[in-house]
Amino acid sequence: MGASSADIDGKNYRSDGAYDYYGLGSLATNAILVAPEGNQGGTWGGQEHHTFFEDILKLMKDTLCIDTARVFACGFSFGAMFTYSLSTSYQQQLRAVACYAPANYNIWLPENKHQPIAYMQTTGMNDGTCPWEYMGERGGKYCAIAHAQDNGCDNPTTIPTSSGQYKVHDYQGCDEGYPVKIVTFGGGHTAGESWMAQMTWDFFSQF
C-alpha cells in the first residue's frame, strides 16, 4: 500500500524495502521478475485480482520460456496479504511464496483448498500495521499456522518468536518438499531488513 509496480521494479531506495523486488532483483539473475500493479495506491481487491494473477501467469507461459514448476510469489504488507490470499488457492500453480508482514484480514480470502505449498513468512514483533496477533485468530501468526497445518507439519500452533535478534523457526515433520519457515524479529512494519532478500532467495532456490 502506497507503492507501485514501478517502485517494486525500480532501484531507488525505499526505507520499507519495496524496491528492486525486495532486494531479489540483485540476486535472482536467472529468473524472470514481474511486478504487477493492484488498485491505485498499491492495494489489492477481491476475486478479480486472482483472475489478474491467472492472466499474468498465462501470458508468461504463452510468450516466454518459463519453468512452470518454479513459479514463486512474494509481497510486503498489502502485497503480503494478497500473496497469502494466492497461496491458499493456487497451490498447484505456485511452488512457494514469501510473505513479508502478512495478515489474514482486510483482504479477500478464497476458500482454502488446504493443499501444501512451500511457505516463508517474516513478521516484526513490533509491527502495529500487520501484527503477529490481532483480536482472536487474526494476524501473521495465523497465516503461518494455516500453512503449517496444510503442510502436515509437527506442532503447527507452536512458533517460538523473538523480539530482538531475528529468529528462524523451520517447522519439522512437514510434507516432503513443502517446508514452512517463519522468521520473527524485533522490528516493525518492514520488508527492508538486510537479511530478508538472501534468506528468501535461498528459500526459493532449494526447489
N, C-alpha and C. Protein backbone atom coordinates (compact mmCIF):
# COMPACT_ATOMS: atom_id res chain seq x y z
N MET A 1 0.84 -1.19 0.00
CA MET A 1 0.00 0.00 0.00
C MET A 1 0.88 1.24 0.00
N GLY A 2 0.61 2.15 -0.95
CA GLY A 2 1.44 3.33 -1.08
C GLY A 2 2.60 3.17 -2.02
N ALA A 3 2.79 1.96 -2.56
CA ALA A 3 3.85 1.71 -3.54
C ALA A 3 3.21 1.39 -4.89
N SER A 4 4.03 1.19 -5.88
CA SER A 4 3.55 0.89 -7.22
C SER A 4 4.43 -0.20 -7.83
N SER A 5 3.99 -0.71 -8.97
CA SER A 5 4.82 -1.70 -9.66
C SER A 5 6.15 -1.08 -10.08
N ALA A 6 6.14 0.22 -10.41
CA ALA A 6 7.39 0.90 -10.78
C ALA A 6 8.35 0.96 -9.59
N ASP A 7 7.80 1.15 -8.37
CA ASP A 7 8.65 1.13 -7.17
C ASP A 7 9.29 -0.24 -7.00
N ILE A 8 8.48 -1.28 -7.11
CA ILE A 8 8.99 -2.63 -6.89
C ILE A 8 10.08 -2.96 -7.92
N ASP A 9 9.85 -2.56 -9.16
CA ASP A 9 10.82 -2.83 -10.22
C ASP A 9 12.04 -1.92 -10.14
N GLY A 10 11.89 -0.75 -9.51
CA GLY A 10 12.94 0.25 -9.54
C GLY A 10 14.08 -0.01 -8.58
N LYS A 11 15.15 0.75 -8.77
CA LYS A 11 16.35 0.62 -7.94
C LYS A 11 16.43 1.71 -6.88
N ASN A 12 15.50 2.65 -6.87
CA ASN A 12 15.55 3.74 -5.91
C ASN A 12 15.18 3.25 -4.52
N TYR A 13 16.03 3.55 -3.57
CA TYR A 13 15.88 3.06 -2.20
C TYR A 13 14.57 3.52 -1.59
N ARG A 14 13.89 2.61 -0.93
CA ARG A 14 12.72 2.91 -0.09
C ARG A 14 12.98 2.29 1.28
N SER A 15 12.69 3.03 2.32
CA SER A 15 13.00 2.55 3.67
C SER A 15 12.20 1.30 4.04
N ASP A 16 11.04 1.10 3.40
CA ASP A 16 10.24 -0.09 3.70
C ASP A 16 10.70 -1.32 2.92
N GLY A 17 11.70 -1.17 2.06
CA GLY A 17 12.23 -2.30 1.31
C GLY A 17 11.50 -2.60 0.02
N ALA A 18 10.48 -1.81 -0.33
CA ALA A 18 9.67 -2.09 -1.51
C ALA A 18 10.31 -1.52 -2.78
N TYR A 19 11.47 -2.02 -3.12
CA TYR A 19 12.17 -1.64 -4.34
C TYR A 19 13.08 -2.80 -4.75
N ASP A 20 13.47 -2.82 -6.03
CA ASP A 20 14.34 -3.88 -6.55
C ASP A 20 13.81 -5.26 -6.15
N TYR A 21 12.50 -5.42 -6.27
CA TYR A 21 11.87 -6.70 -5.92
C TYR A 21 12.28 -7.16 -4.52
N TYR A 22 12.22 -6.24 -3.58
CA TYR A 22 12.59 -6.51 -2.18
C TYR A 22 14.01 -7.04 -2.06
N GLY A 23 14.86 -6.55 -2.93
CA GLY A 23 16.25 -6.97 -2.93
C GLY A 23 16.53 -8.21 -3.76
N LEU A 24 15.49 -8.87 -4.25
CA LEU A 24 15.69 -10.08 -5.04
C LEU A 24 16.21 -9.77 -6.43
N GLY A 25 15.99 -8.54 -6.90
CA GLY A 25 16.44 -8.19 -8.24
C GLY A 25 17.93 -8.35 -8.42
N SER A 26 18.69 -8.15 -7.35
CA SER A 26 20.14 -8.28 -7.42
C SER A 26 20.61 -9.72 -7.26
N LEU A 27 19.71 -10.61 -6.84
CA LEU A 27 20.06 -12.00 -6.57
C LEU A 27 19.50 -12.96 -7.61
N ALA A 28 18.30 -12.67 -8.08
CA ALA A 28 17.60 -13.61 -8.97
C ALA A 28 17.97 -13.35 -10.42
N THR A 29 19.25 -13.50 -10.73
CA THR A 29 19.74 -13.18 -12.07
C THR A 29 19.32 -14.20 -13.11
N ASN A 30 18.85 -15.36 -12.68
CA ASN A 30 18.41 -16.39 -13.62
C ASN A 30 16.90 -16.57 -13.58
N ALA A 31 16.20 -15.51 -13.21
CA ALA A 31 14.74 -15.57 -13.09
C ALA A 31 14.11 -14.44 -13.89
N ILE A 32 12.85 -14.63 -14.25
CA ILE A 32 12.04 -13.57 -14.85
C ILE A 32 11.24 -12.93 -13.71
N LEU A 33 11.40 -11.64 -13.53
CA LEU A 33 10.75 -10.94 -12.44
C LEU A 33 9.59 -10.11 -12.98
N VAL A 34 8.46 -10.18 -12.30
CA VAL A 34 7.24 -9.49 -12.73
C VAL A 34 6.69 -8.70 -11.55
N ALA A 35 6.41 -7.42 -11.78
CA ALA A 35 5.83 -6.57 -10.73
C ALA A 35 4.44 -6.13 -11.17
N PRO A 36 3.40 -6.81 -10.73
CA PRO A 36 2.03 -6.41 -11.11
C PRO A 36 1.58 -5.18 -10.33
N GLU A 37 0.58 -4.51 -10.85
CA GLU A 37 0.03 -3.31 -10.21
C GLU A 37 -1.40 -3.60 -9.76
N GLY A 38 -1.67 -3.37 -8.48
CA GLY A 38 -3.01 -3.55 -7.97
C GLY A 38 -3.86 -2.32 -8.21
N ASN A 39 -4.77 -2.03 -7.30
CA ASN A 39 -5.53 -0.80 -7.39
C ASN A 39 -4.62 0.39 -7.17
N GLN A 40 -5.11 1.58 -7.46
CA GLN A 40 -4.32 2.78 -7.23
C GLN A 40 -3.88 2.83 -5.77
N GLY A 41 -2.61 3.10 -5.56
CA GLY A 41 -2.10 3.14 -4.19
C GLY A 41 -1.55 1.82 -3.70
N GLY A 42 -1.49 0.83 -4.59
CA GLY A 42 -0.86 -0.43 -4.21
C GLY A 42 -1.72 -1.35 -3.38
N THR A 43 -3.04 -1.17 -3.42
CA THR A 43 -3.92 -2.08 -2.67
C THR A 43 -4.42 -3.18 -3.61
N TRP A 44 -4.95 -4.22 -2.99
CA TRP A 44 -5.41 -5.38 -3.74
C TRP A 44 -6.83 -5.71 -3.34
N GLY A 45 -7.63 -6.11 -4.33
CA GLY A 45 -9.06 -6.29 -4.11
C GLY A 45 -9.47 -7.73 -3.96
N GLY A 46 -10.53 -8.10 -4.65
CA GLY A 46 -11.14 -9.40 -4.46
C GLY A 46 -10.78 -10.40 -5.53
N GLN A 47 -11.78 -11.16 -5.92
CA GLN A 47 -11.55 -12.26 -6.85
C GLN A 47 -10.99 -11.78 -8.18
N GLU A 48 -11.31 -10.53 -8.56
CA GLU A 48 -10.82 -10.03 -9.85
C GLU A 48 -9.30 -9.99 -9.91
N HIS A 49 -8.66 -9.81 -8.76
CA HIS A 49 -7.20 -9.79 -8.77
C HIS A 49 -6.61 -11.19 -8.81
N HIS A 50 -7.36 -12.18 -8.38
CA HIS A 50 -6.93 -13.56 -8.61
C HIS A 50 -7.00 -13.87 -10.11
N THR A 51 -8.04 -13.37 -10.76
CA THR A 51 -8.13 -13.53 -12.22
C THR A 51 -6.97 -12.81 -12.90
N PHE A 52 -6.60 -11.64 -12.38
CA PHE A 52 -5.45 -10.89 -12.89
C PHE A 52 -4.18 -11.73 -12.79
N PHE A 53 -3.99 -12.39 -11.66
CA PHE A 53 -2.83 -13.28 -11.50
C PHE A 53 -2.87 -14.40 -12.55
N GLU A 54 -4.03 -15.00 -12.74
CA GLU A 54 -4.16 -16.06 -13.73
C GLU A 54 -3.79 -15.56 -15.13
N ASP A 55 -4.23 -14.34 -15.44
CA ASP A 55 -3.94 -13.77 -16.76
C ASP A 55 -2.44 -13.52 -16.94
N ILE A 56 -1.80 -13.01 -15.88
CA ILE A 56 -0.36 -12.76 -15.95
C ILE A 56 0.39 -14.08 -16.15
N LEU A 57 0.03 -15.09 -15.39
CA LEU A 57 0.71 -16.38 -15.50
C LEU A 57 0.51 -16.98 -16.88
N LYS A 58 -0.69 -16.87 -17.41
CA LYS A 58 -0.96 -17.38 -18.76
C LYS A 58 -0.11 -16.63 -19.79
N LEU A 59 -0.01 -15.32 -19.65
CA LEU A 59 0.81 -14.53 -20.56
C LEU A 59 2.27 -14.97 -20.52
N MET A 60 2.78 -15.21 -19.32
CA MET A 60 4.16 -15.67 -19.18
C MET A 60 4.36 -17.03 -19.85
N LYS A 61 3.41 -17.93 -19.66
CA LYS A 61 3.51 -19.27 -20.25
C LYS A 61 3.43 -19.21 -21.77
N ASP A 62 2.58 -18.31 -22.28
CA ASP A 62 2.34 -18.25 -23.72
C ASP A 62 3.46 -17.54 -24.48
N THR A 63 4.14 -16.60 -23.82
CA THR A 63 5.07 -15.74 -24.54
C THR A 63 6.53 -15.90 -24.14
N LEU A 64 6.79 -16.57 -23.02
CA LEU A 64 8.16 -16.73 -22.54
C LEU A 64 8.42 -18.19 -22.22
N CYS A 65 9.67 -18.56 -22.23
CA CYS A 65 10.05 -19.92 -21.86
C CYS A 65 10.29 -19.96 -20.36
N ILE A 66 9.29 -20.37 -19.61
CA ILE A 66 9.42 -20.39 -18.15
C ILE A 66 9.30 -21.83 -17.64
N ASP A 67 9.89 -22.04 -16.49
CA ASP A 67 9.78 -23.32 -15.79
C ASP A 67 8.52 -23.25 -14.94
N THR A 68 7.45 -23.87 -15.41
CA THR A 68 6.17 -23.76 -14.73
C THR A 68 6.15 -24.46 -13.38
N ALA A 69 7.17 -25.26 -13.09
CA ALA A 69 7.26 -25.91 -11.78
C ALA A 69 7.97 -25.03 -10.76
N ARG A 70 8.44 -23.86 -11.19
CA ARG A 70 9.19 -22.97 -10.29
C ARG A 70 8.66 -21.55 -10.42
N VAL A 71 7.40 -21.39 -10.12
CA VAL A 71 6.77 -20.07 -10.09
C VAL A 71 6.61 -19.66 -8.63
N PHE A 72 7.11 -18.48 -8.30
CA PHE A 72 7.11 -18.01 -6.91
C PHE A 72 6.40 -16.66 -6.83
N ALA A 73 5.96 -16.32 -5.64
CA ALA A 73 5.35 -15.01 -5.41
C ALA A 73 5.82 -14.49 -4.06
N CYS A 74 5.98 -13.18 -3.97
CA CYS A 74 6.29 -12.57 -2.69
C CYS A 74 5.67 -11.18 -2.64
N GLY A 75 5.48 -10.67 -1.44
CA GLY A 75 4.91 -9.34 -1.29
C GLY A 75 5.07 -8.84 0.13
N PHE A 76 4.89 -7.55 0.29
CA PHE A 76 5.03 -6.89 1.58
C PHE A 76 3.73 -6.18 1.95
N SER A 77 3.31 -6.33 3.19
CA SER A 77 2.16 -5.61 3.73
C SER A 77 0.91 -5.98 2.95
N PHE A 78 0.25 -5.01 2.28
CA PHE A 78 -0.92 -5.37 1.49
C PHE A 78 -0.54 -6.39 0.42
N GLY A 79 0.68 -6.26 -0.13
CA GLY A 79 1.17 -7.25 -1.08
C GLY A 79 1.37 -8.61 -0.45
N ALA A 80 1.76 -8.64 0.82
CA ALA A 80 1.89 -9.91 1.55
C ALA A 80 0.52 -10.51 1.81
N MET A 81 -0.45 -9.67 2.10
CA MET A 81 -1.81 -10.16 2.31
C MET A 81 -2.35 -10.79 1.03
N PHE A 82 -2.08 -10.12 -0.11
CA PHE A 82 -2.53 -10.66 -1.39
C PHE A 82 -1.77 -11.95 -1.73
N THR A 83 -0.48 -11.96 -1.46
CA THR A 83 0.31 -13.17 -1.69
C THR A 83 -0.21 -14.32 -0.84
N TYR A 84 -0.53 -14.02 0.42
CA TYR A 84 -1.11 -15.06 1.27
C TYR A 84 -2.43 -15.55 0.70
N SER A 85 -3.25 -14.62 0.21
CA SER A 85 -4.52 -15.00 -0.41
C SER A 85 -4.29 -15.95 -1.58
N LEU A 86 -3.32 -15.62 -2.44
CA LEU A 86 -3.00 -16.50 -3.56
C LEU A 86 -2.53 -17.87 -3.08
N SER A 87 -1.78 -17.88 -1.99
CA SER A 87 -1.18 -19.13 -1.51
C SER A 87 -2.20 -20.13 -0.99
N THR A 88 -3.40 -19.67 -0.69
CA THR A 88 -4.44 -20.58 -0.20
C THR A 88 -5.27 -21.17 -1.33
N SER A 89 -5.04 -20.68 -2.56
CA SER A 89 -5.88 -21.10 -3.68
C SER A 89 -5.10 -21.64 -4.88
N TYR A 90 -3.84 -21.22 -5.02
CA TYR A 90 -3.06 -21.57 -6.21
C TYR A 90 -1.87 -22.45 -5.85
N GLN A 91 -2.11 -23.43 -5.01
CA GLN A 91 -1.02 -24.31 -4.60
C GLN A 91 -0.47 -25.13 -5.77
N GLN A 92 -1.26 -25.35 -6.80
CA GLN A 92 -0.80 -26.13 -7.95
C GLN A 92 -0.03 -25.27 -8.95
N GLN A 93 -0.19 -23.96 -8.87
CA GLN A 93 0.49 -23.05 -9.79
C GLN A 93 1.72 -22.41 -9.17
N LEU A 94 1.72 -22.21 -7.87
CA LEU A 94 2.83 -21.58 -7.15
C LEU A 94 3.60 -22.64 -6.38
N ARG A 95 4.91 -22.68 -6.60
CA ARG A 95 5.74 -23.65 -5.87
C ARG A 95 6.01 -23.17 -4.45
N ALA A 96 6.20 -21.87 -4.29
CA ALA A 96 6.49 -21.32 -2.97
C ALA A 96 6.15 -19.84 -2.96
N VAL A 97 5.90 -19.32 -1.77
CA VAL A 97 5.66 -17.89 -1.60
C VAL A 97 6.45 -17.39 -0.40
N ALA A 98 6.72 -16.09 -0.40
CA ALA A 98 7.33 -15.42 0.75
C ALA A 98 6.50 -14.20 1.07
N CYS A 99 6.03 -14.11 2.30
CA CYS A 99 5.18 -13.02 2.74
C CYS A 99 5.89 -12.20 3.80
N TYR A 100 6.13 -10.93 3.51
CA TYR A 100 6.74 -10.02 4.48
C TYR A 100 5.63 -9.22 5.14
N ALA A 101 5.35 -9.52 6.40
CA ALA A 101 4.30 -8.85 7.18
C ALA A 101 2.90 -9.09 6.61
N PRO A 102 2.48 -10.36 6.56
CA PRO A 102 1.13 -10.65 6.06
C PRO A 102 0.08 -10.50 7.16
N ALA A 103 -1.17 -10.52 6.74
CA ALA A 103 -2.31 -10.58 7.66
C ALA A 103 -3.41 -11.38 6.97
N ASN A 104 -4.30 -11.95 7.77
CA ASN A 104 -5.39 -12.74 7.22
C ASN A 104 -6.73 -12.03 7.38
N TYR A 105 -6.70 -10.71 7.37
CA TYR A 105 -7.92 -9.91 7.42
C TYR A 105 -7.70 -8.65 6.58
N ASN A 106 -8.79 -7.92 6.31
CA ASN A 106 -8.74 -6.74 5.42
C ASN A 106 -8.28 -7.11 4.00
N ILE A 107 -8.51 -8.34 3.63
CA ILE A 107 -8.18 -8.82 2.28
C ILE A 107 -9.19 -9.90 1.92
N TRP A 108 -9.52 -9.99 0.64
CA TRP A 108 -10.41 -11.07 0.21
C TRP A 108 -9.65 -12.39 0.25
N LEU A 109 -10.24 -13.36 0.93
CA LEU A 109 -9.64 -14.68 1.03
C LEU A 109 -10.58 -15.71 0.42
N PRO A 110 -10.10 -16.46 -0.56
CA PRO A 110 -10.93 -17.52 -1.13
C PRO A 110 -11.03 -18.68 -0.16
N GLU A 111 -11.87 -19.63 -0.49
CA GLU A 111 -11.90 -20.85 0.32
C GLU A 111 -10.57 -21.57 0.18
N ASN A 112 -9.95 -21.86 1.31
CA ASN A 112 -8.64 -22.51 1.32
C ASN A 112 -8.77 -23.94 0.78
N LYS A 113 -7.97 -24.26 -0.23
CA LYS A 113 -8.00 -25.61 -0.79
C LYS A 113 -7.27 -26.62 0.09
N HIS A 114 -6.52 -26.12 1.09
CA HIS A 114 -5.81 -26.98 2.05
C HIS A 114 -4.84 -27.94 1.36
N GLN A 115 -4.21 -27.46 0.31
CA GLN A 115 -3.17 -28.23 -0.36
C GLN A 115 -1.81 -27.66 0.06
N PRO A 116 -0.76 -28.47 0.05
CA PRO A 116 0.54 -27.98 0.52
C PRO A 116 1.17 -26.99 -0.46
N ILE A 117 1.91 -26.05 0.09
CA ILE A 117 2.70 -25.10 -0.68
C ILE A 117 3.87 -24.68 0.21
N ALA A 118 5.05 -24.56 -0.36
CA ALA A 118 6.19 -24.10 0.44
C ALA A 118 5.95 -22.65 0.84
N TYR A 119 6.18 -22.35 2.12
CA TYR A 119 5.74 -21.06 2.65
C TYR A 119 6.81 -20.47 3.56
N MET A 120 7.13 -19.20 3.31
CA MET A 120 8.04 -18.44 4.16
C MET A 120 7.36 -17.14 4.57
N GLN A 121 7.58 -16.73 5.81
CA GLN A 121 6.95 -15.51 6.33
C GLN A 121 7.86 -14.79 7.28
N THR A 122 7.86 -13.46 7.23
CA THR A 122 8.57 -12.65 8.22
C THR A 122 7.56 -11.70 8.88
N THR A 123 7.71 -11.50 10.17
CA THR A 123 6.88 -10.55 10.91
C THR A 123 7.69 -9.89 12.00
N GLY A 124 7.66 -8.57 12.03
CA GLY A 124 8.27 -7.83 13.12
C GLY A 124 7.35 -7.83 14.33
N MET A 125 7.87 -8.18 15.47
CA MET A 125 7.03 -8.31 16.65
C MET A 125 6.55 -6.95 17.18
N ASN A 126 7.10 -5.86 16.63
CA ASN A 126 6.61 -4.52 16.97
C ASN A 126 5.77 -3.92 15.85
N ASP A 127 5.32 -4.76 14.95
CA ASP A 127 4.53 -4.30 13.81
C ASP A 127 3.10 -4.00 14.27
N GLY A 128 2.72 -2.73 14.18
CA GLY A 128 1.37 -2.33 14.56
C GLY A 128 0.42 -2.27 13.39
N THR A 129 0.94 -2.46 12.16
CA THR A 129 0.10 -2.40 10.97
C THR A 129 -0.44 -3.78 10.61
N CYS A 130 0.44 -4.75 10.54
CA CYS A 130 0.06 -6.15 10.31
C CYS A 130 0.64 -6.97 11.46
N PRO A 131 0.02 -6.94 12.62
CA PRO A 131 0.62 -7.52 13.82
C PRO A 131 0.64 -9.04 13.79
N TRP A 132 1.46 -9.58 14.67
CA TRP A 132 1.57 -11.02 14.84
C TRP A 132 0.25 -11.62 15.29
N GLU A 133 -0.41 -10.97 16.24
CA GLU A 133 -1.72 -11.40 16.71
C GLU A 133 -2.62 -10.20 16.84
N TYR A 134 -3.90 -10.36 16.46
CA TYR A 134 -4.83 -9.25 16.50
C TYR A 134 -6.26 -9.77 16.65
N MET A 135 -6.87 -9.52 17.79
CA MET A 135 -8.30 -9.78 18.01
C MET A 135 -8.70 -11.20 17.61
N GLY A 136 -8.27 -12.14 18.40
CA GLY A 136 -8.62 -13.53 18.12
C GLY A 136 -7.67 -14.14 17.12
N GLU A 137 -8.17 -15.01 16.28
CA GLU A 137 -7.31 -15.74 15.35
C GLU A 137 -7.06 -14.92 14.09
N ARG A 138 -6.55 -13.72 14.31
CA ARG A 138 -6.17 -12.82 13.22
C ARG A 138 -4.70 -12.45 13.38
N GLY A 139 -4.06 -12.13 12.28
CA GLY A 139 -2.67 -11.71 12.32
C GLY A 139 -1.74 -12.70 11.66
N GLY A 140 -0.48 -12.28 11.56
CA GLY A 140 0.51 -13.09 10.87
C GLY A 140 0.68 -14.48 11.45
N LYS A 141 0.54 -14.61 12.75
CA LYS A 141 0.69 -15.92 13.39
C LYS A 141 -0.24 -16.95 12.76
N TYR A 142 -1.45 -16.52 12.44
CA TYR A 142 -2.45 -17.46 11.96
C TYR A 142 -2.31 -17.74 10.46
N CYS A 143 -1.63 -16.86 9.74
CA CYS A 143 -1.22 -17.20 8.37
C CYS A 143 -0.25 -18.36 8.41
N ALA A 144 0.72 -18.27 9.32
CA ALA A 144 1.73 -19.32 9.46
C ALA A 144 1.10 -20.64 9.89
N ILE A 145 0.23 -20.58 10.88
CA ILE A 145 -0.40 -21.80 11.39
C ILE A 145 -1.20 -22.49 10.31
N ALA A 146 -1.92 -21.72 9.50
CA ALA A 146 -2.75 -22.33 8.45
C ALA A 146 -1.91 -23.15 7.49
N HIS A 147 -0.76 -22.62 7.09
CA HIS A 147 0.08 -23.37 6.15
C HIS A 147 0.80 -24.52 6.84
N ALA A 148 1.18 -24.34 8.08
CA ALA A 148 1.80 -25.45 8.80
C ALA A 148 0.82 -26.62 8.92
N GLN A 149 -0.44 -26.33 9.14
CA GLN A 149 -1.45 -27.38 9.22
C GLN A 149 -1.64 -28.05 7.86
N ASP A 150 -1.75 -27.24 6.81
CA ASP A 150 -1.98 -27.79 5.47
C ASP A 150 -0.78 -28.59 4.97
N ASN A 151 0.42 -28.25 5.45
CA ASN A 151 1.63 -28.96 5.03
C ASN A 151 1.97 -30.13 5.94
N GLY A 152 1.11 -30.43 6.91
CA GLY A 152 1.30 -31.59 7.77
C GLY A 152 2.45 -31.47 8.74
N CYS A 153 2.82 -30.23 9.10
CA CYS A 153 3.96 -30.02 9.99
C CYS A 153 3.64 -30.40 11.43
N ASP A 154 4.68 -30.73 12.18
CA ASP A 154 4.52 -31.04 13.59
C ASP A 154 4.18 -29.77 14.38
N ASN A 155 3.34 -29.90 15.39
CA ASN A 155 3.04 -28.80 16.32
C ASN A 155 2.79 -27.48 15.60
N PRO A 156 1.78 -27.42 14.74
CA PRO A 156 1.59 -26.23 13.91
C PRO A 156 1.31 -24.95 14.69
N THR A 157 0.76 -25.06 15.89
CA THR A 157 0.43 -23.84 16.64
C THR A 157 1.58 -23.35 17.52
N THR A 158 2.67 -24.12 17.56
CA THR A 158 3.82 -23.74 18.39
C THR A 158 4.87 -23.04 17.53
N ILE A 159 5.06 -21.72 17.77
CA ILE A 159 6.02 -20.94 17.00
C ILE A 159 6.85 -20.11 17.96
N PRO A 160 8.10 -20.48 18.24
CA PRO A 160 8.95 -19.64 19.07
C PRO A 160 9.26 -18.34 18.34
N THR A 161 9.18 -17.22 19.05
CA THR A 161 9.37 -15.91 18.43
C THR A 161 10.49 -15.15 19.12
N SER A 162 10.90 -14.05 18.50
CA SER A 162 11.95 -13.20 19.05
C SER A 162 11.58 -11.74 18.89
N SER A 163 11.78 -10.96 19.94
CA SER A 163 11.59 -9.51 19.88
C SER A 163 12.93 -8.80 19.82
N GLY A 164 14.00 -9.54 19.60
CA GLY A 164 15.33 -8.96 19.48
C GLY A 164 15.94 -9.37 18.16
N GLN A 165 17.04 -10.11 18.22
CA GLN A 165 17.67 -10.65 17.02
C GLN A 165 16.66 -11.54 16.30
N TYR A 166 16.68 -11.53 14.99
CA TYR A 166 15.70 -12.32 14.27
C TYR A 166 15.86 -13.80 14.61
N LYS A 167 14.73 -14.49 14.62
CA LYS A 167 14.72 -15.91 14.97
C LYS A 167 14.03 -16.68 13.85
N VAL A 168 14.68 -17.71 13.37
CA VAL A 168 14.13 -18.55 12.32
C VAL A 168 13.51 -19.79 12.94
N HIS A 169 12.28 -20.06 12.57
CA HIS A 169 11.62 -21.30 13.00
C HIS A 169 11.27 -22.10 11.76
N ASP A 170 12.02 -23.19 11.56
CA ASP A 170 11.72 -24.13 10.48
C ASP A 170 10.89 -25.27 11.08
N TYR A 171 9.65 -25.34 10.67
CA TYR A 171 8.79 -26.42 11.16
C TYR A 171 9.39 -27.78 10.80
N GLN A 172 9.20 -28.72 11.67
CA GLN A 172 9.63 -30.09 11.45
C GLN A 172 8.44 -30.95 11.04
N GLY A 173 8.73 -32.05 10.36
CA GLY A 173 7.71 -33.03 10.02
C GLY A 173 6.78 -32.64 8.89
N CYS A 174 7.10 -31.57 8.17
CA CYS A 174 6.22 -31.13 7.08
C CYS A 174 6.27 -32.14 5.92
N ASP A 175 5.25 -32.11 5.10
CA ASP A 175 5.24 -32.96 3.91
C ASP A 175 6.52 -32.72 3.12
N GLU A 176 7.08 -33.78 2.58
CA GLU A 176 8.35 -33.66 1.87
C GLU A 176 8.23 -32.67 0.72
N GLY A 177 9.17 -31.74 0.67
CA GLY A 177 9.18 -30.73 -0.38
C GLY A 177 8.34 -29.52 -0.09
N TYR A 178 7.71 -29.47 1.09
CA TYR A 178 6.83 -28.36 1.42
C TYR A 178 7.16 -27.79 2.80
N PRO A 179 8.34 -27.15 2.91
CA PRO A 179 8.74 -26.58 4.20
C PRO A 179 7.93 -25.34 4.54
N VAL A 180 7.92 -25.03 5.82
CA VAL A 180 7.33 -23.79 6.33
C VAL A 180 8.38 -23.11 7.20
N LYS A 181 8.77 -21.90 6.81
CA LYS A 181 9.80 -21.13 7.53
C LYS A 181 9.17 -19.84 8.04
N ILE A 182 9.26 -19.62 9.35
CA ILE A 182 8.72 -18.41 9.97
C ILE A 182 9.88 -17.66 10.63
N VAL A 183 10.00 -16.36 10.32
CA VAL A 183 11.06 -15.54 10.87
C VAL A 183 10.43 -14.35 11.60
N THR A 184 10.71 -14.24 12.89
CA THR A 184 10.23 -13.10 13.68
C THR A 184 11.44 -12.29 14.14
N PHE A 185 11.21 -11.01 14.36
CA PHE A 185 12.31 -10.13 14.76
C PHE A 185 11.74 -8.94 15.51
N GLY A 186 12.63 -8.16 16.10
CA GLY A 186 12.20 -7.08 16.97
C GLY A 186 11.83 -5.79 16.28
N GLY A 187 11.77 -5.77 14.97
CA GLY A 187 11.45 -4.55 14.24
C GLY A 187 9.98 -4.34 14.03
N GLY A 188 9.67 -3.37 13.17
CA GLY A 188 8.29 -3.02 12.89
C GLY A 188 7.83 -3.50 11.53
N HIS A 189 7.09 -2.64 10.86
CA HIS A 189 6.44 -2.99 9.59
C HIS A 189 7.40 -2.73 8.45
N THR A 190 8.09 -3.76 8.00
CA THR A 190 9.13 -3.56 7.00
C THR A 190 9.42 -4.83 6.22
N ALA A 191 9.89 -4.62 4.99
CA ALA A 191 10.47 -5.70 4.19
C ALA A 191 11.92 -5.38 3.89
N GLY A 192 12.49 -4.44 4.64
CA GLY A 192 13.81 -3.93 4.32
C GLY A 192 14.93 -4.38 5.23
N GLU A 193 14.69 -5.39 6.06
CA GLU A 193 15.78 -5.90 6.89
C GLU A 193 16.87 -6.52 6.00
N SER A 194 18.12 -6.34 6.37
CA SER A 194 19.24 -6.68 5.49
C SER A 194 19.29 -8.17 5.13
N TRP A 195 18.77 -9.02 5.97
CA TRP A 195 18.88 -10.45 5.77
C TRP A 195 17.74 -11.05 4.94
N MET A 196 16.69 -10.26 4.69
CA MET A 196 15.46 -10.83 4.11
C MET A 196 15.64 -11.33 2.68
N ALA A 197 16.31 -10.54 1.84
CA ALA A 197 16.40 -10.92 0.43
C ALA A 197 17.17 -12.23 0.25
N GLN A 198 18.34 -12.33 0.87
CA GLN A 198 19.13 -13.55 0.70
C GLN A 198 18.41 -14.76 1.28
N MET A 199 17.76 -14.59 2.41
CA MET A 199 17.03 -15.71 3.01
C MET A 199 15.89 -16.16 2.10
N THR A 200 15.22 -15.19 1.49
CA THR A 200 14.13 -15.53 0.57
C THR A 200 14.65 -16.25 -0.66
N TRP A 201 15.74 -15.73 -1.24
CA TRP A 201 16.27 -16.37 -2.44
C TRP A 201 16.79 -17.76 -2.15
N ASP A 202 17.39 -17.95 -0.99
CA ASP A 202 17.83 -19.29 -0.59
C ASP A 202 16.63 -20.22 -0.45
N PHE A 203 15.55 -19.70 0.09
CA PHE A 203 14.34 -20.50 0.27
C PHE A 203 13.78 -20.92 -1.09
N PHE A 204 13.66 -19.97 -2.02
CA PHE A 204 13.14 -20.29 -3.35
C PHE A 204 14.09 -21.21 -4.11
N SER A 205 15.38 -20.99 -3.96
CA SER A 205 16.38 -21.71 -4.78
C SER A 205 16.48 -23.19 -4.44
N GLN A 206 15.94 -23.61 -3.32
CA GLN A 206 16.02 -25.03 -2.96
C GLN A 206 15.11 -25.89 -3.84
N PHE A 207 14.22 -25.27 -4.56
CA PHE A 207 13.24 -26.05 -5.34
C PHE A 207 13.66 -26.17 -6.80
